[in-house]
Structure formats: C-alpha cells, structure tokens
C-alpha cells in the first residue's frame, strides 16, 4: 500500500475516531470486557461490510465526488433525493457539533495565550480557518491528517504507558451490570463511533489510479485501526479503575479526572487527543460535504466553500441549545445512510444482471441479508 492509500486509510480512521474514544469505556466497562469486546467487534464488522458495499456501488457506478452522483446512477432520481436528504441532515448536524466542540478548545487555547475570544468569535475563527484546509482539496487534507493522526496515536501510546504500572488484571473479569438489554442499547454509541462511510466516494475519486483490491484494503485497514484503538483504551480503563470508580463516571471530564492521579501528564495527553480526534473527524465530514456540494452544484471552490459552511456555522451560532437535542437522532439517520442506502445501491446493481469484472463485496446474497438484518438490529437497539 502506497503512502497515498495509507493516508486515505488514516482519513477513514480519523473520521471514525472522535468522542467515541472516551465515551466507549463509560458505556461498555460496566458490562465486562468479554461482552463489550464481542459487541464492539460485531458492530465494527457490520459497519465495515456496509462500507464495502458502498465501495462496490461507487466503483461499479463510475464513482463521483459525492453520494449524489452514485445515488442517481444506481437508484434513480427518487433514491438520489432520499440519499441527499439523509446525507445533508447528517453532515450538517455533525459539523455543527464539531464546530461547537472545537470552539471551546479554541477559547481555552487562546485564553492560555492571553487572548480572550467569545464563543461566537471562536466558532467563526475555527470554521473559517479549518474550512480553508477543506477547500484546499483532498491532497492537503490527506497530508495534514497524517501528521495529526500520528500525534494522536503517540498521545494514546504515552497514556497507556503511564497507566501500565497501576494495571490490575483482576479488574478485567469484573462485571457490574448483567443486563444484556442495556448492553444492546449501547450499540448506537458504538455504531456512531465507527461512522466513516461518508468519506468513501471522495477517497475513491482521490485514488483513481488504485486497483479495486487496493481500495478494498484501504477501507478494511481504515476500520481496523479505530477498533484496535478502542479496544486498547477499553482494556486500559477497565484495568485501572475499580467498579466503584466506573460507576461514578458521568462524562468525559470525570473520566479524565479519574486518571489524573496516575500522572499529571495524563489529563494533558487526553485533552490533546480529544482535540485532535475532533479535528480529524471534522476534516473527514467537512471534506465529504464539500465534495458533495461540488458534485451536486458544480460551482467553483469559493462558492462551494460558502455552501459547505454557511449552514453548519449559522446553526452553531443561532440554535446551539436546540441542536444538542437533535443530535440524538443522528444515529438513526446514520443507520439508513450507512447501511440501508449502500445495500439498496448494490442490490439494484446486482439485480440488473450486468456482467462486471469490477469489485464486488464478498459473501453474495447471504451477506446482503446479513447487512439488512444488521441495520434492523441497530434501529431496534435505538428504539428499545
């Protein structure tokens, strides 16, 4: 795999890695490592296969910068409208969340430098500057994301190193909650933590010279890296905190505070990791929306830049309080967009009985059925 494909895999990983890195231990630790690990692997497998279905649809339809062209070629105008509605709802919601989160980090950073910025100023400054990176194209995002991603991994490795001396093997076998229904309810958090499929059309267009097998490996590697990071972090949290401490965790701040007695560096490392995870996720989602707008409206970079960021920025400035409540529905939107839409695309393509030597996701009809049931499982987990 060349550096360009590796960078694309890291864009996939960076898009997935976000708040889930710190949220996963808080929702899974109480159920014990065995069931938590099995559920996480299952969610990762189902999400990765759905992403491979989207890859198949992208390749066989001739590709495009965004889902707009792929949906039109595979499902017609009705499917195109439905897909675009879901995609815009999801991406704008996510970008609003990232802008709000990043603005807090910008305010803290500038305050440490003696510069006081209001929340509005921080949101505008972050959006304008980060948006320029997005407008620069996938190549620039790729190169910047590589550096940020390796810093993230270094922060995680250092954190695990600091935690290792106090690691307790006895904690690994403890289970404080035996309610498997409650465990299934966490599937929404896990699924969102592996939500990277929106970047696939952009990365296929970026790697036009790559073979189908290389693109397949790009997607698989990009999904395995977050899984490995999540599992390492879950083991570290469970191994270092006793059940009483785990039961007292109410938010990310509590989790970071629980570790600060191990080393004064851990809080700083986790803060850096959280900030970079937020930034790489923003890059992936914003790149997808930028290319979707470019594909749909066929305008120059300046116009596309405005189209991409005007609604998320306006939403974060004017409707932050109401928006936080809407975020709960993003998971349901993602199920339809990341599972059912690729499944419908591939089903239409395969039903057309056109011979193609291009990539087809492994497993045939049985795996298509599995993907459909996986989507039903995710919806059920959010509606229990």
Protein backbone atom coordinates (compact mmCIF):
# COMPACT_ATOMS: atom_id res chain seq x y z
CA UNK A 1 0.00 0.00 0.00
CA UNK A 2 1.50 3.34 -1.07
CA UNK A 3 1.55 6.45 1.10
CA UNK A 4 -1.46 7.94 -0.67
CA UNK A 5 -3.60 4.89 0.09
CA UNK A 6 -2.23 4.77 3.64
CA UNK A 7 -3.15 8.42 4.07
CA UNK A 8 -6.64 7.64 2.80
CA UNK A 9 -6.95 4.84 5.36
CA UNK A 10 -5.96 7.32 8.05
CA UNK A 11 -8.65 9.74 6.84
CA UNK A 12 -11.16 6.91 7.32
CA UNK A 13 -9.76 6.19 10.79
CA UNK A 14 -9.60 9.85 11.73
CA UNK A 15 -13.23 10.36 10.69
CA UNK A 16 -14.29 7.45 12.91
CA UNK A 17 -12.13 8.33 15.91
CA UNK A 18 -13.81 11.07 17.87
CA UNK A 19 -15.81 11.39 21.02
CA UNK A 20 -16.34 7.63 20.94
CA UNK A 21 -12.76 7.16 22.10
CA UNK A 22 -13.65 8.48 25.53
CA UNK A 23 -17.35 7.58 25.51
CA UNK A 24 -16.95 3.85 24.79
CA UNK A 25 -15.34 2.92 28.13
CA UNK A 26 -18.07 4.75 30.03
CA UNK A 27 -20.86 2.78 28.34
CA UNK A 28 -19.16 -0.62 28.00
CA UNK A 29 -16.96 -1.04 31.08
CA UNK A 30 -19.87 -1.96 33.36
CA UNK A 31 -20.75 -4.99 31.23
CA UNK A 32 -17.28 -6.54 31.42
CA UNK A 33 -14.64 -6.93 28.77
CA UNK A 34 -15.93 -10.13 27.17
CA UNK A 35 -19.37 -8.96 26.10
CA UNK A 36 -18.19 -5.40 25.48
CA UNK A 37 -15.41 -6.61 23.19
CA UNK A 38 -17.67 -9.04 21.32
CA UNK A 39 -20.31 -6.36 20.69
CA UNK A 40 -17.69 -3.87 19.52
CA UNK A 41 -16.18 -6.38 17.07
CA UNK A 42 -19.67 -7.22 15.76
CA UNK A 43 -20.53 -3.54 15.20
CA UNK A 44 -17.17 -2.94 13.50
CA UNK A 45 -17.68 -5.95 11.21
CA UNK A 46 -21.20 -4.89 10.20
CA UNK A 47 -20.16 -1.29 9.60
CA UNK A 48 -17.10 -2.31 7.59
CA UNK A 49 -19.14 -4.62 5.37
CA UNK A 50 -21.68 -1.85 4.73
CA UNK A 51 -18.76 0.40 3.77
CA UNK A 52 -17.52 -2.26 1.33
CA UNK A 53 -20.98 -2.33 -0.23
CA UNK A 54 -20.75 1.43 -0.74
CA UNK A 55 -17.28 0.93 -2.22
CA UNK A 56 -18.73 -1.62 -4.67
CA UNK A 57 -21.52 0.78 -5.66
CA UNK A 58 -19.04 3.64 -6.07
CA UNK A 59 -16.70 1.61 -8.29
CA UNK A 60 -19.37 -0.03 -10.45
CA UNK A 61 -21.33 3.19 -10.98
CA UNK A 62 -18.27 5.02 -12.22
CA UNK A 63 -17.76 6.96 -8.98
CA UNK A 64 -18.22 10.62 -8.21
CA UNK A 65 -17.05 13.11 -5.65
CA UNK A 66 -20.15 12.61 -3.52
CA UNK A 67 -23.06 10.26 -2.94
CA UNK A 68 -25.23 12.48 -5.16
CA UNK A 69 -23.90 11.06 -8.45
CA UNK A 70 -23.67 7.48 -7.17
CA UNK A 71 -27.25 7.51 -5.88
CA UNK A 72 -28.55 8.94 -9.17
CA UNK A 73 -26.72 6.30 -11.23
CA UNK A 74 -27.82 3.38 -9.06
CA UNK A 75 -31.26 4.28 -7.67
CA UNK A 76 -32.64 6.98 -9.95
CA UNK A 77 -33.98 10.40 -9.00
CA UNK A 78 -36.10 9.13 -6.11
CA UNK A 79 -33.15 7.38 -4.50
CA UNK A 80 -30.95 10.38 -5.23
CA UNK A 81 -33.33 12.74 -3.40
CA UNK A 82 -33.70 10.39 -0.41
CA UNK A 83 -29.94 9.88 -0.12
CA UNK A 84 -29.16 13.58 -0.41
CA UNK A 85 -31.75 14.46 2.24
CA UNK A 86 -30.23 11.97 4.69
CA UNK A 87 -26.67 12.96 3.86
CA UNK A 88 -27.19 16.70 4.28
CA UNK A 89 -29.11 16.20 7.53
CA UNK A 90 -26.34 14.04 8.96
CA UNK A 91 -23.31 16.03 7.78
CA UNK A 92 -24.71 19.41 8.80
CA UNK A 93 -25.65 18.08 12.23
CA UNK A 94 -22.19 16.58 12.75
CA UNK A 95 -20.40 19.71 11.57
CA UNK A 96 -22.46 21.83 13.94
CA UNK A 97 -21.41 19.54 16.80
CA UNK A 98 -17.74 19.66 15.79
CA UNK A 99 -17.79 23.46 15.46
CA UNK A 100 -19.31 23.80 18.94
CA UNK A 101 -16.77 21.39 20.42
CA UNK A 102 -13.81 22.92 18.62
CA UNK A 103 -14.85 26.45 19.61
CA UNK A 104 -14.50 25.50 23.29
CA UNK A 105 -10.98 24.20 22.63
CA UNK A 106 -10.07 27.34 20.66
CA UNK A 107 -11.32 29.55 23.51
CA UNK A 108 -9.23 27.62 26.04
CA UNK A 109 -6.14 27.73 23.82
CA UNK A 110 -6.35 31.46 23.13
CA UNK A 111 -7.09 32.19 26.80
CA UNK A 112 -3.82 30.45 27.73
CA UNK A 113 -2.11 32.79 25.25
CA UNK A 114 -3.71 35.85 26.87
CA UNK A 115 -6.28 36.37 24.12
CA UNK A 116 -9.94 36.33 25.16
CA UNK A 117 -12.42 35.23 22.48
CA UNK A 118 -16.17 34.95 22.83
CA UNK A 119 -17.92 31.72 21.86
CA UNK A 120 -19.14 33.34 18.63
CA UNK A 121 -15.66 34.56 17.70
CA UNK A 122 -14.17 31.13 18.39
CA UNK A 123 -16.76 29.37 16.24
CA UNK A 124 -16.29 31.76 13.34
CA UNK A 125 -12.48 31.66 13.57
CA UNK A 126 -12.33 27.87 13.67
CA UNK A 127 -14.79 27.43 10.80
CA UNK A 128 -13.04 29.95 8.54
CA UNK A 129 -9.53 28.58 9.14
CA UNK A 130 -10.39 24.87 9.11
CA UNK A 131 -12.61 25.49 6.10
CA UNK A 132 -9.64 26.80 4.12
CA UNK A 133 -7.92 23.44 4.63
CA UNK A 134 -11.01 21.68 3.27
CA UNK A 135 -11.17 24.00 0.25
CA UNK A 136 -7.52 23.17 -0.47
CA UNK A 137 -8.55 19.70 -1.59
CA UNK A 138 -8.25 16.06 -0.51
CA UNK A 139 -4.48 16.06 -1.07
CA UNK A 140 -3.89 18.77 1.52
CA UNK A 141 -6.32 17.12 3.95
CA UNK A 142 -4.50 13.81 3.46
CA UNK A 143 -1.06 15.22 4.28
CA UNK A 144 -2.24 17.25 7.29
CA UNK A 145 -4.36 14.39 8.61
CA UNK A 146 -1.37 12.01 8.53
CA UNK A 147 0.62 14.23 10.88
CA UNK A 148 -2.30 14.83 13.23
CA UNK A 149 -3.17 11.13 13.30
CA UNK A 150 0.33 10.04 14.28
CA UNK A 151 0.33 12.64 17.09
CA UNK A 152 -2.98 11.17 18.26
CA UNK A 153 -1.55 7.65 18.32
CA UNK A 154 1.53 8.91 20.19
CA UNK A 155 -0.71 10.53 22.82
CA UNK A 156 -2.64 7.28 23.21
CA UNK A 157 0.57 5.22 23.49
CA UNK A 158 2.01 7.56 26.13
CA UNK A 159 -1.24 7.48 28.10
CA UNK A 160 -1.26 3.68 28.09
CA UNK A 161 2.39 3.69 29.20
CA UNK A 162 1.62 5.96 32.16
CA UNK A 163 -1.33 3.74 33.14
CA UNK A 164 0.52 0.43 32.86
CA UNK A 165 2.11 0.39 36.37
CA UNK A 166 -1.32 0.51 38.07
CA UNK A 167 -2.96 -2.01 35.74
CA UNK A 168 -4.94 -4.69 37.62
CA UNK A 169 -5.71 -7.98 35.89
CA UNK A 170 -8.44 -8.67 38.50
CA UNK A 171 -10.47 -5.72 37.19
CA UNK A 172 -10.66 -7.29 33.73
CA UNK A 173 -13.01 -10.09 34.82
CA UNK A 174 -15.38 -7.94 36.88
CA UNK A 175 -18.93 -7.34 35.66
CA UNK A 176 -21.15 -4.82 37.44
CA UNK A 177 -24.13 -4.95 35.08
CA UNK A 178 -25.53 -8.25 33.79
CA UNK A 179 -28.46 -6.68 31.88
CA UNK A 180 -27.83 -7.64 28.24
CA UNK A 181 -30.67 -5.44 27.02
CA UNK A 182 -28.82 -2.45 28.42
CA UNK A 183 -25.69 -3.72 26.65
CA UNK A 184 -27.54 -3.85 23.32
CA UNK A 185 -28.68 -0.25 23.85
CA UNK A 186 -25.03 0.84 23.66
CA UNK A 187 -24.91 -0.30 20.01
CA UNK A 188 -25.91 3.20 18.89
CA UNK A 189 -22.82 4.73 20.54
CA UNK A 190 -20.56 2.04 19.07
CA UNK A 191 -22.05 2.36 15.58
CA UNK A 192 -21.62 6.13 15.56
CA UNK A 193 -18.01 5.61 16.70
CA UNK A 194 -17.35 3.64 13.50
CA UNK A 195 -19.21 6.08 11.24
CA UNK A 196 -16.79 6.80 8.42
CA UNK A 197 -18.60 5.77 5.24
CA UNK A 198 -19.32 9.33 4.11
CA UNK A 199 -15.67 9.77 3.04
CA UNK A 200 -15.52 6.75 0.71
CA UNK A 201 -16.68 8.42 -2.55
CA UNK A 202 -14.16 11.24 -2.05
CA UNK A 203 -11.32 8.80 -1.38
CA UNK A 204 -12.17 6.64 -4.40
CA UNK A 205 -12.02 9.76 -6.58
CA UNK A 206 -8.73 10.74 -4.88
CA UNK A 207 -7.18 7.31 -5.59
CA UNK A 208 -8.23 6.90 -9.22
CA UNK A 209 -5.05 5.03 -10.09
CA UNK A 210 -5.58 2.40 -7.36
CA UNK A 211 -6.82 -1.11 -8.11
CA UNK A 212 -10.12 -2.39 -6.72
CA UNK A 213 -8.25 -4.67 -4.31
CA UNK A 214 -6.17 -1.74 -3.02
CA UNK A 215 -9.33 0.30 -2.43
CA UNK A 216 -10.85 -2.65 -0.56
CA UNK A 217 -7.78 -2.96 1.64
CA UNK A 218 -7.84 0.80 2.22
CA UNK A 219 -11.35 0.56 3.69
CA UNK A 220 -10.58 -2.50 5.81
CA UNK A 221 -7.39 -1.01 7.26
CA UNK A 222 -9.16 2.27 7.95
CA UNK A 223 -11.80 0.44 10.01
CA UNK A 224 -9.40 -1.86 11.88
CA UNK A 225 -7.28 1.00 13.26
CA UNK A 226 -10.17 2.56 15.26
CA UNK A 227 -11.17 -0.90 16.51
CA UNK A 228 -7.65 -1.52 17.81
CA UNK A 229 -7.53 1.93 19.47
CA UNK A 230 -10.95 1.49 21.07
CA UNK A 231 -10.08 -1.97 22.43
CA UNK A 232 -6.73 -0.84 23.85
CA UNK A 233 -8.37 2.11 25.55
CA UNK A 234 -11.24 -0.03 26.92
CA UNK A 235 -8.75 -2.50 28.43
CA UNK A 236 -6.74 0.38 29.93
CA UNK A 237 -9.79 1.99 31.55
CA UNK A 238 -11.20 -1.24 32.96
CA UNK A 239 -7.77 -2.38 34.14
CA UNK A 240 -7.05 0.86 36.03
CA UNK A 241 -10.41 1.79 37.52
CA UNK A 242 -12.35 -0.28 40.02
CA UNK A 243 -16.13 -0.85 39.68
CA UNK A 244 -16.94 1.94 42.13
CA UNK A 245 -14.92 4.46 40.11
CA UNK A 246 -16.50 3.26 36.86
CA UNK A 247 -19.97 3.69 38.34
CA UNK A 248 -19.26 7.33 39.20
CA UNK A 249 -18.32 8.35 35.65
CA UNK A 250 -20.90 10.79 34.28
CA UNK A 251 -18.93 12.40 31.47
CA UNK A 252 -15.62 12.74 29.70
CA UNK A 253 -14.37 15.22 32.30
CA UNK A 254 -14.95 12.66 35.06
CA UNK A 255 -13.01 10.04 33.11
CA UNK A 256 -10.03 12.34 32.59
CA UNK A 257 -10.11 13.44 36.26
CA UNK A 258 -10.15 9.81 37.41
CA UNK A 259 -6.80 9.25 35.70
CA UNK A 260 -5.02 12.45 36.67
CA UNK A 261 -3.82 11.00 39.98
CA UNK A 262 -1.77 8.46 38.00
CA UNK A 263 0.25 11.18 36.33
CA UNK A 264 -0.11 14.92 35.82
CA UNK A 265 0.56 14.34 32.13
CA UNK A 266 -2.46 12.14 31.50
CA UNK A 267 -5.00 14.97 31.61
CA UNK A 268 -2.95 16.98 29.13
CA UNK A 269 -2.40 14.00 26.83
CA UNK A 270 -6.10 13.11 26.79
CA UNK A 271 -7.04 16.74 26.15
CA UNK A 272 -4.65 16.83 23.16
CA UNK A 273 -6.01 13.51 21.93
CA UNK A 274 -9.61 14.69 22.24
CA UNK A 275 -8.86 17.91 20.36
CA UNK A 276 -7.08 16.11 17.52
CA UNK A 277 -9.78 13.44 17.31
CA UNK A 278 -12.35 16.21 16.97
CA UNK A 279 -10.27 17.95 14.30
CA UNK A 280 -9.66 14.82 12.18
CA UNK A 281 -13.35 13.93 12.39
CA UNK A 282 -14.21 17.48 11.29
CA UNK A 283 -11.84 17.16 8.32
CA UNK A 284 -13.43 13.90 7.18
CA UNK A 285 -17.03 15.08 7.49
CA UNK A 286 -16.36 18.55 6.06
CA UNK A 287 -14.45 17.04 3.11
CA UNK A 288 -17.45 14.82 2.37
CA UNK A 289 -19.89 17.74 2.48
CA UNK A 290 -17.58 19.96 0.40
CA UNK A 291 -17.23 17.31 -2.31
CA UNK A 292 -20.95 16.53 -2.16
CA UNK A 293 -21.72 20.20 -2.83
CA UNK A 294 -19.11 20.33 -5.59
CA UNK A 295 -20.61 17.22 -7.18
CA UNK A 296 -24.19 18.47 -6.83
CA UNK A 297 -23.91 22.18 -7.70
CA UNK A 298 -20.77 22.15 -9.90
CA UNK A 299 -19.55 25.55 -8.68
CA UNK A 300 -16.05 26.93 -8.11
CA UNK A 301 -14.17 26.46 -4.83
CA UNK A 302 -15.22 29.81 -3.34
CA UNK A 303 -18.94 29.20 -3.86
CA UNK A 304 -18.64 25.60 -2.69
CA UNK A 305 -16.78 26.81 0.41
CA UNK A 306 -19.68 29.10 1.32
CA UNK A 307 -22.30 26.43 0.57
CA UNK A 308 -20.46 23.94 2.78
CA UNK A 309 -20.02 26.01 5.92
CA UNK A 310 -22.77 28.63 5.97
CA UNK A 311 -25.49 26.34 7.38
CA UNK A 312 -23.37 24.49 9.99
CA UNK A 313 -21.90 27.79 11.21
CA UNK A 314 -25.28 29.50 11.31
CA UNK A 315 -26.75 26.55 13.17
CA UNK A 316 -23.97 26.51 15.74
CA UNK A 317 -24.36 30.28 16.29
CA UNK A 318 -28.15 30.52 16.40
CA UNK A 319 -29.54 27.18 17.52
CA UNK A 320 -26.93 25.54 19.71
CA UNK A 321 -29.29 24.70 22.58
CA UNK A 322 -31.96 23.20 20.34
CA UNK A 323 -29.41 21.40 18.24
CA UNK A 324 -27.97 19.42 21.12
CA UNK A 325 -31.34 17.69 21.47
CA UNK A 326 -31.44 16.92 17.74
CA UNK A 327 -28.06 15.16 17.89
CA UNK A 328 -29.77 12.14 19.43
CA UNK A 329 -31.42 11.44 16.08
CA UNK A 330 -28.14 11.50 14.13
CA UNK A 331 -27.58 7.82 14.91
CA UNK A 332 -30.87 6.83 13.27
CA UNK A 333 -30.04 8.92 10.17
CA UNK A 334 -26.63 7.24 10.02
CA UNK A 335 -28.19 3.75 10.08
CA UNK A 336 -30.24 4.48 6.96
CA UNK A 337 -27.38 6.26 5.21
CA UNK A 338 -24.55 3.91 6.14
CA UNK A 339 -26.37 0.57 5.94
CA UNK A 340 -29.64 0.62 4.00
CA UNK A 341 -28.61 3.05 1.23
CA UNK A 342 -25.44 1.09 0.21
CA UNK A 343 -27.46 -2.14 0.46
CA UNK A 344 -30.11 -0.73 -1.90
CA UNK A 345 -27.45 0.53 -4.32
CA UNK A 346 -25.71 -2.84 -4.55
CA UNK A 347 -28.99 -4.74 -4.78
CA UNK A 348 -30.05 -2.60 -7.76
CA UNK A 349 -26.67 -3.03 -9.46
CA UNK A 350 -26.59 -6.80 -8.99
CA UNK A 351 -30.26 -7.20 -9.98
CA UNK A 352 -29.51 -5.52 -13.31
CA UNK A 353 -27.61 -8.71 -14.30
CA UNK A 354 -24.90 -6.72 -15.99
CA UNK A 355 -21.59 -8.54 -16.16
CA UNK A 356 -18.84 -6.66 -14.43
CA UNK A 357 -15.30 -7.58 -13.53
CA UNK A 358 -15.12 -4.74 -11.02
CA UNK A 359 -15.08 -5.26 -7.26
CA UNK A 360 -17.99 -6.99 -5.55
CA UNK A 361 -18.18 -7.22 -1.78
CA UNK A 362 -17.62 -10.74 -0.58
CA UNK A 363 -20.39 -13.06 0.62
CA UNK A 364 -23.05 -12.80 -2.10
CA UNK A 365 -26.74 -12.78 -1.19
CA UNK A 366 -26.15 -14.19 2.29
CA UNK A 367 -24.06 -11.19 3.29
CA UNK A 368 -26.59 -8.81 1.75
CA UNK A 369 -29.18 -10.40 4.04
CA UNK A 370 -26.78 -10.05 6.96
CA UNK A 371 -26.31 -6.35 6.20
CA UNK A 372 -30.07 -5.79 6.14
CA UNK A 373 -30.51 -7.60 9.47
CA UNK A 374 -27.60 -5.62 10.89
CA UNK A 375 -29.41 -2.39 10.04
CA UNK A 376 -32.63 -3.68 11.65
CA UNK A 377 -30.63 -4.62 14.77
CA UNK A 378 -29.19 -1.09 15.00
CA UNK A 379 -32.61 0.53 14.63
CA UNK A 380 -34.08 -1.82 17.26
CA UNK A 381 -31.22 -1.03 19.66
CA UNK A 382 -32.07 2.68 19.46
CA UNK A 383 -35.81 2.17 19.88
CA UNK A 384 -35.83 -0.27 22.82
